Amino acid sequence: MFLTCRRRVWVFALVLHASFVAAEEPLLTLNQGDHVAYIGNTLADRMQHDGWLETYIQALHPELELTFRNLGFPGDEVVTRNRSDNFGSPDEWLT
């Protein structure tokens, strides 16, 4: 049976937390004032409608004062990013 949305979030949060606790060395080191950017296709794009991931990370590390930016766009692929003219390159958007 499919899990409800709320249960899926909690399952993901527990798995994410367990991965941080179980790792001897952190897989990702965040510093105070870092900017975190999501890149990806529709999955990342849809994450803008619910701020659960940002909330979870901010709740775990409030002292870091992180900034999040969602750069997901439907239809993006690893190499192909269809955009309008003069949109800018992915490197320009990440700066």
PDB file of N, CA and C in Angstrom:
ATOM      1  N   MET A   1       0.826  -1.176   0.000  1.00  0.00           N
ATOM      2  CA  MET A   1       0.000   0.000   0.000  1.00  0.00           C
ATOM      3  C   MET A   1       0.872   1.241   0.000  1.00  0.00           C
ATOM      4  N   PHE A   2       0.387   2.288  -0.628  1.00  0.00           N
ATOM      5  CA  PHE A   2       1.157   3.521  -0.679  1.00  0.00           C
ATOM      6  C   PHE A   2       1.107   4.253   0.652  1.00  0.00           C
ATOM      7  N   LEU A   3       2.217   4.840   1.008  1.00  0.00           N
ATOM      8  CA  LEU A   3       2.266   5.631   2.223  1.00  0.00           C
ATOM      9  C   LEU A   3       1.657   6.997   1.973  1.00  0.00           C
ATOM     10  N   THR A   4       1.067   7.573   2.986  1.00  0.00           N
ATOM     11  CA  THR A   4       0.550   8.929   2.837  1.00  0.00           C
ATOM     12  C   THR A   4       1.718   9.890   2.718  1.00  0.00           C
ATOM     13  N   CYS A   5       1.443  11.078   2.255  1.00  0.00           N
ATOM     14  CA  CYS A   5       2.495  12.078   2.048  1.00  0.00           C
ATOM     15  C   CYS A   5       3.239  12.364   3.344  1.00  0.00           C
ATOM     16  N   ARG A   6       2.510  12.514   4.427  1.00  0.00           N
ATOM     17  CA  ARG A   6       3.138  12.817   5.710  1.00  0.00           C
ATOM     18  C   ARG A   6       4.041  11.672   6.166  1.00  0.00           C
ATOM     19  N   ARG A   7       3.589  10.458   5.961  1.00  0.00           N
ATOM     20  CA  ARG A   7       4.417   9.307   6.348  1.00  0.00           C
ATOM     21  C   ARG A   7       5.657   9.211   5.485  1.00  0.00           C
ATOM     22  N   ARG A   8       5.519   9.499   4.199  1.00  0.00           N
ATOM     23  CA  ARG A   8       6.692   9.477   3.321  1.00  0.00           C
ATOM     24  C   ARG A   8       7.735  10.482   3.777  1.00  0.00           C
ATOM     25  N   VAL A   9       7.270  11.659   4.185  1.00  0.00           N
ATOM     26  CA  VAL A   9       8.199  12.689   4.658  1.00  0.00           C
ATOM     27  C   VAL A   9       8.930  12.207   5.901  1.00  0.00           C
ATOM     28  N   TRP A  10       8.201  11.606   6.832  1.00  0.00           N
ATOM     29  CA  TRP A  10       8.839  11.115   8.047  1.00  0.00           C
ATOM     30  C   TRP A  10       9.804   9.979   7.766  1.00  0.00           C
ATOM     31  N   VAL A  11       9.441   9.081   6.859  1.00  0.00           N
ATOM     32  CA  VAL A  11      10.343   7.990   6.494  1.00  0.00           C
ATOM     33  C   VAL A  11      11.616   8.555   5.882  1.00  0.00           C
ATOM     34  N   PHE A  12      11.458   9.519   4.955  1.00  0.00           N
ATOM     35  CA  PHE A  12      12.631  10.144   4.344  1.00  0.00           C
ATOM     36  C   PHE A  12      13.480  10.850   5.394  1.00  0.00           C
ATOM     37  N   ALA A  13      12.841  11.564   6.307  1.00  0.00           N
ATOM     38  CA  ALA A  13      13.571  12.283   7.351  1.00  0.00           C
ATOM     39  C   ALA A  13      14.350  11.317   8.239  1.00  0.00           C
ATOM     40  N   LEU A  14      13.730  10.201   8.596  1.00  0.00           N
ATOM     41  CA  LEU A  14      14.424   9.219   9.432  1.00  0.00           C
ATOM     42  C   LEU A  14      15.603   8.593   8.702  1.00  0.00           C
ATOM     43  N   VAL A  15      15.429   8.288   7.428  1.00  0.00           N
ATOM     44  CA  VAL A  15      16.525   7.721   6.638  1.00  0.00           C
ATOM     45  C   VAL A  15      17.650   8.738   6.510  1.00  0.00           C
ATOM     46  N   LEU A  16      17.293   9.998   6.246  1.00  0.00           N
ATOM     47  CA  LEU A  16      18.305  11.050   6.132  1.00  0.00           C
ATOM     48  C   LEU A  16      19.045  11.218   7.443  1.00  0.00           C
ATOM     49  N   HIS A  17      18.314  11.248   8.546  1.00  0.00           N
ATOM     50  CA  HIS A  17      18.939  11.405   9.860  1.00  0.00           C
ATOM     51  C   HIS A  17      19.833  10.201  10.172  1.00  0.00           C
ATOM     52  N   ALA A  18      19.366   9.001   9.858  1.00  0.00           N
ATOM     53  CA  ALA A  18      20.159   7.796  10.118  1.00  0.00           C
ATOM     54  C   ALA A  18      21.443   7.810   9.305  1.00  0.00           C
ATOM     55  N   SER A  19      21.388   8.332   8.094  1.00  0.00           N
ATOM     56  CA  SER A  19      22.603   8.369   7.278  1.00  0.00           C
ATOM     57  C   SER A  19      23.625   9.327   7.863  1.00  0.00           C
ATOM     58  N   PHE A  20      23.158  10.423   8.469  1.00  0.00           N
ATOM     59  CA  PHE A  20      24.093  11.357   9.099  1.00  0.00           C
ATOM     60  C   PHE A  20      24.664  10.767  10.383  1.00  0.00           C
ATOM     61  N   VAL A  21      23.845  10.079  11.149  1.00  0.00           N
ATOM     62  CA  VAL A  21      24.292   9.503  12.417  1.00  0.00           C
ATOM     63  C   VAL A  21      25.236   8.336  12.169  1.00  0.00           C
ATOM     64  N   ALA A  22      24.932   7.500  11.168  1.00  0.00           N
ATOM     65  CA  ALA A  22      25.706   6.293  10.930  1.00  0.00           C
ATOM     66  C   ALA A  22      27.054   6.567  10.272  1.00  0.00           C
ATOM     67  N   ALA A  23      27.164   7.673   9.559  1.00  0.00           N
ATOM     68  CA  ALA A  23      28.401   7.957   8.828  1.00  0.00           C
ATOM     69  C   ALA A  23      29.497   8.367   9.802  1.00  0.00           C
ATOM     70  N   GLU A  24      30.680   7.785   9.634  1.00  0.00           N
ATOM     71  CA  GLU A  24      31.806   8.172  10.468  1.00  0.00           C
ATOM     72  C   GLU A  24      32.280   9.573  10.091  1.00  0.00           C
ATOM     73  N   GLU A  25      32.369   9.801   8.810  1.00  0.00           N
ATOM     74  CA  GLU A  25      32.741  11.103   8.285  1.00  0.00           C
ATOM     75  C   GLU A  25      31.514  11.685   7.600  1.00  0.00           C
ATOM     76  N   PRO A  26      31.203  12.965   7.819  1.00  0.00           N
ATOM     77  CA  PRO A  26      30.013  13.508   7.169  1.00  0.00           C
ATOM     78  C   PRO A  26      30.130  13.451   5.643  1.00  0.00           C
ATOM     79  N   LEU A  27      29.030  13.089   5.003  1.00  0.00           N
ATOM     80  CA  LEU A  27      29.015  13.040   3.556  1.00  0.00           C
ATOM     81  C   LEU A  27      29.014  14.442   2.961  1.00  0.00           C
ATOM     82  N   LEU A  28      28.494  15.390   3.716  1.00  0.00           N
ATOM     83  CA  LEU A  28      28.418  16.774   3.280  1.00  0.00           C
ATOM     84  C   LEU A  28      28.697  17.662   4.472  1.00  0.00           C
ATOM     85  N   THR A  29      29.606  18.583   4.315  1.00  0.00           N
ATOM     86  CA  THR A  29      29.915  19.516   5.379  1.00  0.00           C
ATOM     87  C   THR A  29      29.322  20.872   5.030  1.00  0.00           C
ATOM     88  N   LEU A  30      28.464  21.372   5.897  1.00  0.00           N
ATOM     89  CA  LEU A  30      27.856  22.689   5.701  1.00  0.00           C
ATOM     90  C   LEU A  30      28.497  23.670   6.659  1.00  0.00           C
ATOM     91  N   ASN A  31      28.771  24.876   6.152  1.00  0.00           N
ATOM     92  CA  ASN A  31      29.351  25.927   6.962  1.00  0.00           C
ATOM     93  C   ASN A  31      28.347  27.054   7.147  1.00  0.00           C
ATOM     94  N   GLN A  32      28.572  27.877   8.157  1.00  0.00           N
ATOM     95  CA  GLN A  32      27.650  28.971   8.433  1.00  0.00           C
ATOM     96  C   GLN A  32      27.547  29.899   7.221  1.00  0.00           C
ATOM     97  N   GLY A  33      26.296  30.222   6.851  1.00  0.00           N
ATOM     98  CA  GLY A  33      26.047  31.131   5.747  1.00  0.00           C
ATOM     99  C   GLY A  33      26.114  30.504   4.363  1.00  0.00           C
ATOM    100  N   ASP A  34      26.249  29.178   4.281  1.00  0.00           N
ATOM    101  CA  ASP A  34      26.304  28.513   2.973  1.00  0.00           C
ATOM    102  C   ASP A  34      24.988  28.680   2.222  1.00  0.00           C
ATOM    103  N   HIS A  35      25.092  28.611   0.902  1.00  0.00           N
ATOM    104  CA  HIS A  35      23.934  28.640   0.023  1.00  0.00           C
ATOM    105  C   HIS A  35      23.800  27.252  -0.591  1.00  0.00           C
ATOM    106  N   VAL A  36      22.607  26.669  -0.484  1.00  0.00           N
ATOM    107  CA  VAL A  36      22.330  25.338  -1.013  1.00  0.00           C
ATOM    108  C   VAL A  36      21.399  25.499  -2.209  1.00  0.00           C
ATOM    109  N   ALA A  37      21.799  24.964  -3.364  1.00  0.00           N
ATOM    110  CA  ALA A  37      20.989  25.069  -4.579  1.00  0.00           C
ATOM    111  C   ALA A  37      20.556  23.685  -5.023  1.00  0.00           C
ATOM    112  N   TYR A  38      19.260  23.535  -5.301  1.00  0.00           N
ATOM    113  CA  TYR A  38      18.740  22.300  -5.883  1.00  0.00           C
ATOM    114  C   TYR A  38      18.790  22.446  -7.387  1.00  0.00           C
ATOM    115  N   ILE A  39      19.324  21.446  -8.062  1.00  0.00           N
ATOM    116  CA  ILE A  39      19.244  21.402  -9.511  1.00  0.00           C
ATOM    117  C   ILE A  39      18.602  20.081  -9.877  1.00  0.00           C
ATOM    118  N   GLY A  40      17.893  20.063 -10.968  1.00  0.00           N
ATOM    119  CA  GLY A  40      17.245  18.827 -11.364  1.00  0.00           C
ATOM    120  C   GLY A  40      16.055  19.081 -12.247  1.00  0.00           C
ATOM    121  N   ASN A  41      15.254  18.046 -12.416  1.00  0.00           N
ATOM    122  CA  ASN A  41      14.106  18.128 -13.316  1.00  0.00           C
ATOM    123  C   ASN A  41      12.841  18.408 -12.510  1.00  0.00           C
ATOM    124  N   THR A  42      11.738  17.794 -12.893  1.00  0.00           N
ATOM    125  CA  THR A  42      10.451  18.080 -12.278  1.00  0.00           C
ATOM    126  C   THR A  42      10.429  17.752 -10.794  1.00  0.00           C
ATOM    127  N   LEU A  43      11.178  16.747 -10.358  1.00  0.00           N
ATOM    128  CA  LEU A  43      11.214  16.407  -8.938  1.00  0.00           C
ATOM    129  C   LEU A  43      11.706  17.600  -8.119  1.00  0.00           C
ATOM    130  N   ALA A  44      12.807  18.185  -8.522  1.00  0.00           N
ATOM    131  CA  ALA A  44      13.321  19.364  -7.813  1.00  0.00           C
ATOM    132  C   ALA A  44      12.372  20.550  -7.976  1.00  0.00           C
ATOM    133  N   ASP A  45      11.791  20.704  -9.156  1.00  0.00           N
ATOM    134  CA  ASP A  45      10.871  21.807  -9.395  1.00  0.00           C
ATOM    135  C   ASP A  45       9.660  21.732  -8.475  1.00  0.00           C
ATOM    136  N   ARG A  46       9.117  20.536  -8.267  1.00  0.00           N
ATOM    137  CA  ARG A  46       7.934  20.375  -7.418  1.00  0.00           C
ATOM    138  C   ARG A  46       8.253  20.595  -5.941  1.00  0.00           C
ATOM    139  N   MET A  47       9.524  20.513  -5.565  1.00  0.00           N
ATOM    140  CA  MET A  47       9.896  20.719  -4.164  1.00  0.00           C
ATOM    141  C   MET A  47       9.686  22.162  -3.722  1.00  0.00           C
ATOM    142  N   GLN A  48       9.467  23.087  -4.663  1.00  0.00           N
ATOM    143  CA  GLN A  48       9.240  24.479  -4.292  1.00  0.00           C
ATOM    144  C   GLN A  48       7.869  24.685  -3.644  1.00  0.00           C
ATOM    145  N   HIS A  49       6.963  23.732  -3.817  1.00  0.00           N
ATOM    146  CA  HIS A  49       5.612  23.888  -3.286  1.00  0.00           C
ATOM    147  C   HIS A  49       5.505  23.521  -1.804  1.00  0.00           C
ATOM    148  N   ASP A  50       6.441  22.758  -1.302  1.00  0.00           N
ATOM    149  CA  ASP A  50       6.491  22.394   0.117  1.00  0.00           C
ATOM    150  C   ASP A  50       7.928  22.559   0.595  1.00  0.00           C
ATOM    151  N   GLY A  51       8.108  23.294   1.655  1.00  0.00           N
ATOM    152  CA  GLY A  51       9.453  23.556   2.149  1.00  0.00           C
ATOM    153  C   GLY A  51       9.908  22.586   3.217  1.00  0.00           C
ATOM    154  N   TRP A  52       9.486  21.319   3.121  1.00  0.00           N
ATOM    155  CA  TRP A  52       9.790  20.368   4.184  1.00  0.00           C
ATOM    156  C   TRP A  52      11.277  20.057   4.287  1.00  0.00           C
ATOM    157  N   LEU A  53      11.991  19.960   3.166  1.00  0.00           N
ATOM    158  CA  LEU A  53      13.407  19.616   3.234  1.00  0.00           C
ATOM    159  C   LEU A  53      14.212  20.757   3.854  1.00  0.00           C
ATOM    160  N   GLU A  54      13.932  21.980   3.419  1.00  0.00           N
ATOM    161  CA  GLU A  54      14.614  23.137   4.001  1.00  0.00           C
ATOM    162  C   GLU A  54      14.314  23.245   5.496  1.00  0.00           C
ATOM    163  N   THR A  55      13.058  23.015   5.863  1.00  0.00           N
ATOM    164  CA  THR A  55      12.657  23.089   7.270  1.00  0.00           C
ATOM    165  C   THR A  55      13.395  22.052   8.094  1.00  0.00           C
ATOM    166  N   TYR A  56      13.500  20.857   7.567  1.00  0.00           N
ATOM    167  CA  TYR A  56      14.174  19.781   8.297  1.00  0.00           C
ATOM    168  C   TYR A  56      15.651  20.109   8.498  1.00  0.00           C
ATOM    169  N   ILE A  57      16.313  20.561   7.454  1.00  0.00           N
ATOM    170  CA  ILE A  57      17.738  20.878   7.556  1.00  0.00           C
ATOM    171  C   ILE A  57      17.956  22.077   8.485  1.00  0.00           C
ATOM    172  N   GLN A  58      17.090  23.094   8.368  1.00  0.00           N
ATOM    173  CA  GLN A  58      17.215  24.261   9.250  1.00  0.00           C
ATOM    174  C   GLN A  58      16.973  23.872  10.704  1.00  0.00           C
ATOM    175  N   ALA A  59      16.040  22.954  10.949  1.00  0.00           N
ATOM    176  CA  ALA A  59      15.759  22.512  12.319  1.00  0.00           C
ATOM    177  C   ALA A  59      16.941  21.749  12.913  1.00  0.00           C
ATOM    178  N   LEU A  60      17.655  20.985  12.077  1.00  0.00           N
ATOM    179  CA  LEU A  60      18.821  20.249  12.565  1.00  0.00           C
ATOM    180  C   LEU A  60      20.016  21.162  12.825  1.00  0.00           C
ATOM    181  N   HIS A  61      20.139  22.226  12.028  1.00  0.00           N
ATOM    182  CA  HIS A  61      21.320  23.095  12.113  1.00  0.00           C
ATOM    183  C   HIS A  61      20.923  24.577  12.074  1.00  0.00           C
ATOM    184  N   PRO A  62      20.192  25.073  13.076  1.00  0.00           N
ATOM    185  CA  PRO A  62      19.763  26.472  13.034  1.00  0.00           C
ATOM    186  C   PRO A  62      20.921  27.462  13.121  1.00  0.00           C
ATOM    187  N   GLU A  63      22.024  27.038  13.698  1.00  0.00           N
ATOM    188  CA  GLU A  63      23.176  27.937  13.857  1.00  0.00           C
ATOM    189  C   GLU A  63      23.886  28.227  12.532  1.00  0.00           C
ATOM    190  N   LEU A  64      23.621  27.457  11.503  1.00  0.00           N
ATOM    191  CA  LEU A  64      24.320  27.625  10.228  1.00  0.00           C
ATOM    192  C   LEU A  64      23.734  28.743   9.357  1.00  0.00           C
ATOM    193  N   GLU A  65      22.478  29.132   9.608  1.00  0.00           N
ATOM    194  CA  GLU A  65      21.833  30.211   8.845  1.00  0.00           C
ATOM    195  C   GLU A  65      21.989  29.985   7.334  1.00  0.00           C
ATOM    196  N   LEU A  66      21.518  28.836   6.878  1.00  0.00           N
ATOM    197  CA  LEU A  66      21.655  28.451   5.474  1.00  0.00           C
ATOM    198  C   LEU A  66      20.619  29.159   4.600  1.00  0.00           C
ATOM    199  N   THR A  67      20.956  29.312   3.331  1.00  0.00           N
ATOM    200  CA  THR A  67      20.049  29.864   2.333  1.00  0.00           C
ATOM    201  C   THR A  67      19.824  28.799   1.271  1.00  0.00           C
ATOM    202  N   PHE A  68      18.558  28.584   0.885  1.00  0.00           N
ATOM    203  CA  PHE A  68      18.217  27.570  -0.104  1.00  0.00           C
ATOM    204  C   PHE A  68      17.685  28.234  -1.363  1.00  0.00           C
ATOM    205  N   ARG A  69      18.035  27.652  -2.506  1.00  0.00           N
ATOM    206  CA  ARG A  69      17.538  28.139  -3.792  1.00  0.00           C
ATOM    207  C   ARG A  69      17.215  26.941  -4.672  1.00  0.00           C
ATOM    208  N   ASN A  70      16.006  26.932  -5.195  1.00  0.00           N
ATOM    209  CA  ASN A  70      15.561  25.834  -6.033  1.00  0.00           C
ATOM    210  C   ASN A  70      15.742  26.219  -7.490  1.00  0.00           C
ATOM    211  N   LEU A  71      16.648  25.538  -8.187  1.00  0.00           N
ATOM    212  CA  LEU A  71      16.906  25.790  -9.605  1.00  0.00           C
ATOM    213  C   LEU A  71      16.370  24.657 -10.475  1.00  0.00           C
ATOM    214  N   GLY A  72      15.439  23.863  -9.936  1.00  0.00           N
ATOM    215  CA  GLY A  72      14.839  22.778 -10.704  1.00  0.00           C
ATOM    216  C   GLY A  72      13.941  23.326 -11.799  1.00  0.00           C
ATOM    217  N   PHE A  73      13.902  22.620 -12.910  1.00  0.00           N
ATOM    218  CA  PHE A  73      13.112  23.042 -14.063  1.00  0.00           C
ATOM    219  C   PHE A  73      12.591  21.797 -14.768  1.00  0.00           C
ATOM    220  N   PRO A  74      11.273  21.724 -15.035  1.00  0.00           N
ATOM    221  CA  PRO A  74      10.742  20.519 -15.692  1.00  0.00           C
ATOM    222  C   PRO A  74      11.420  20.256 -17.027  1.00  0.00           C
ATOM    223  N   GLY A  75      11.742  19.021 -17.267  1.00  0.00           N
ATOM    224  CA  GLY A  75      12.340  18.619 -18.540  1.00  0.00           C
ATOM    225  C   GLY A  75      13.857  18.680 -18.564  1.00  0.00           C
ATOM    226  N   ASP A  76      14.479  19.158 -17.502  1.00  0.00           N
ATOM    227  CA  ASP A  76      15.941  19.204 -17.488  1.00  0.00           C
ATOM    228  C   ASP A  76      16.518  17.793 -17.515  1.00  0.00           C
ATOM    229  N   GLU A  77      17.624  17.661 -18.194  1.00  0.00           N
ATOM    230  CA  GLU A  77      18.377  16.418 -18.217  1.00  0.00           C
ATOM    231  C   GLU A  77      19.796  16.740 -17.792  1.00  0.00           C
ATOM    232  N   VAL A  78      20.634  15.723 -17.713  1.00  0.00           N
ATOM    233  CA  VAL A  78      21.997  15.930 -17.248  1.00  0.00           C
ATOM    234  C   VAL A  78      22.737  16.945 -18.122  1.00  0.00           C
ATOM    235  N   VAL A  79      22.580  16.835 -19.432  1.00  0.00           N
ATOM    236  CA  VAL A  79      23.290  17.719 -20.356  1.00  0.00           C
ATOM    237  C   VAL A  79      22.365  18.753 -20.990  1.00  0.00           C
ATOM    238  N   THR A  80      21.124  18.400 -21.232  1.00  0.00           N
ATOM    239  CA  THR A  80      20.206  19.263 -21.964  1.00  0.00           C
ATOM    240  C   THR A  80      19.345  20.069 -21.006  1.00  0.00           C
ATOM    241  N   ARG A  81      19.356  21.388 -21.187  1.00  0.00           N
ATOM    242  CA  ARG A  81      18.505  22.291 -20.413  1.00  0.00           C
ATOM    243  C   ARG A  81      17.869  23.267 -21.393  1.00  0.00           C
ATOM    244  N   ASN A  82      16.632  22.979 -21.777  1.00  0.00           N
ATOM    245  CA  ASN A  82      15.944  23.833 -22.739  1.00  0.00           C
ATOM    246  C   ASN A  82      15.447  25.099 -22.057  1.00  0.00           C
ATOM    247  N   ARG A  83      15.945  26.236 -22.505  1.00  0.00           N
ATOM    248  CA  ARG A  83      15.558  27.529 -21.949  1.00  0.00           C
ATOM    249  C   ARG A  83      15.345  28.531 -23.077  1.00  0.00           C
ATOM    250  N   SER A  84      14.746  29.658 -22.734  1.00  0.00           N
ATOM    251  CA  SER A  84      14.574  30.755 -23.686  1.00  0.00           C
ATOM    252  C   SER A  84      15.930  31.389 -23.990  1.00  0.00           C
ATOM    253  N   ASP A  85      15.981  32.173 -25.070  1.00  0.00           N
ATOM    254  CA  ASP A  85      17.203  32.898 -25.401  1.00  0.00           C
ATOM    255  C   ASP A  85      17.567  33.855 -24.272  1.00  0.00           C
ATOM    256  N   ASN A  86      18.836  34.074 -24.081  1.00  0.00           N
ATOM    257  CA  ASN A  86      19.376  34.996 -23.070  1.00  0.00           C
ATOM    258  C   ASN A  86      19.024  34.583 -21.637  1.00  0.00           C
ATOM    259  N   PHE A  87      18.761  33.304 -21.429  1.00  0.00           N
ATOM    260  CA  PHE A  87      18.438  32.824 -20.087  1.00  0.00           C
ATOM    261  C   PHE A  87      19.691  32.731 -19.226  1.00  0.00           C
ATOM    262  N   GLY A  88      20.813  32.446 -19.839  1.00  0.00           N
ATOM    263  CA  GLY A  88      22.065  32.278 -19.098  1.00  0.00           C
ATOM    264  C   GLY A  88      22.426  30.820 -18.969  1.00  0.00           C
ATOM    265  N   SER A  89      23.689  30.573 -18.752  1.00  0.00           N
ATOM    266  CA  SER A  89      24.177  29.202 -18.609  1.00  0.00           C
ATOM    267  C   SER A  89      23.952  28.707 -17.181  1.00  0.00           C
ATOM    268  N   PRO A  90      24.003  27.393 -16.969  1.00  0.00           N
ATOM    269  CA  PRO A  90      23.857  26.875 -15.600  1.00  0.00           C
ATOM    270  C   PRO A  90      24.923  27.443 -14.651  1.00  0.00           C
ATOM    271  N   ASP A  91      26.132  27.645 -15.157  1.00  0.00           N
ATOM    272  CA  ASP A  91      27.176  28.219 -14.299  1.00  0.00           C
ATOM    273  C   ASP A  91      26.836  29.641 -13.876  1.00  0.00           C
ATOM    274  N   GLU A  92      26.247  30.424 -14.776  1.00  0.00           N
ATOM    275  CA  GLU A  92      25.857  31.790 -14.413  1.00  0.00           C
ATOM    276  C   GLU A  92      24.772  31.773 -13.330  1.00  0.00           C
ATOM    277  N   TRP A  93      23.830  30.836 -13.426  1.00  0.00           N
ATOM    278  CA  TRP A  93      22.757  30.772 -12.447  1.00  0.00           C
ATOM    279  C   TRP A  93      23.256  30.270 -11.097  1.00  0.00           C
ATOM    280  N   LEU A  94      24.269  29.429 -11.084  1.00  0.00           N
ATOM    281  CA  LEU A  94      24.803  28.945  -9.808  1.00  0.00           C
ATOM    282  C   LEU A  94      25.656  29.992  -9.097  1.00  0.00           C
ATOM    283  N   THR A  95      26.169  30.977  -9.839  1.00  0.00           N
ATOM    284  CA  THR A  95      26.940  32.032  -9.164  1.00  0.00           C
ATOM    285  C   THR A  95      25.997  32.996  -8.502  1.00  0.00           C
TER     286      THR A  95
END
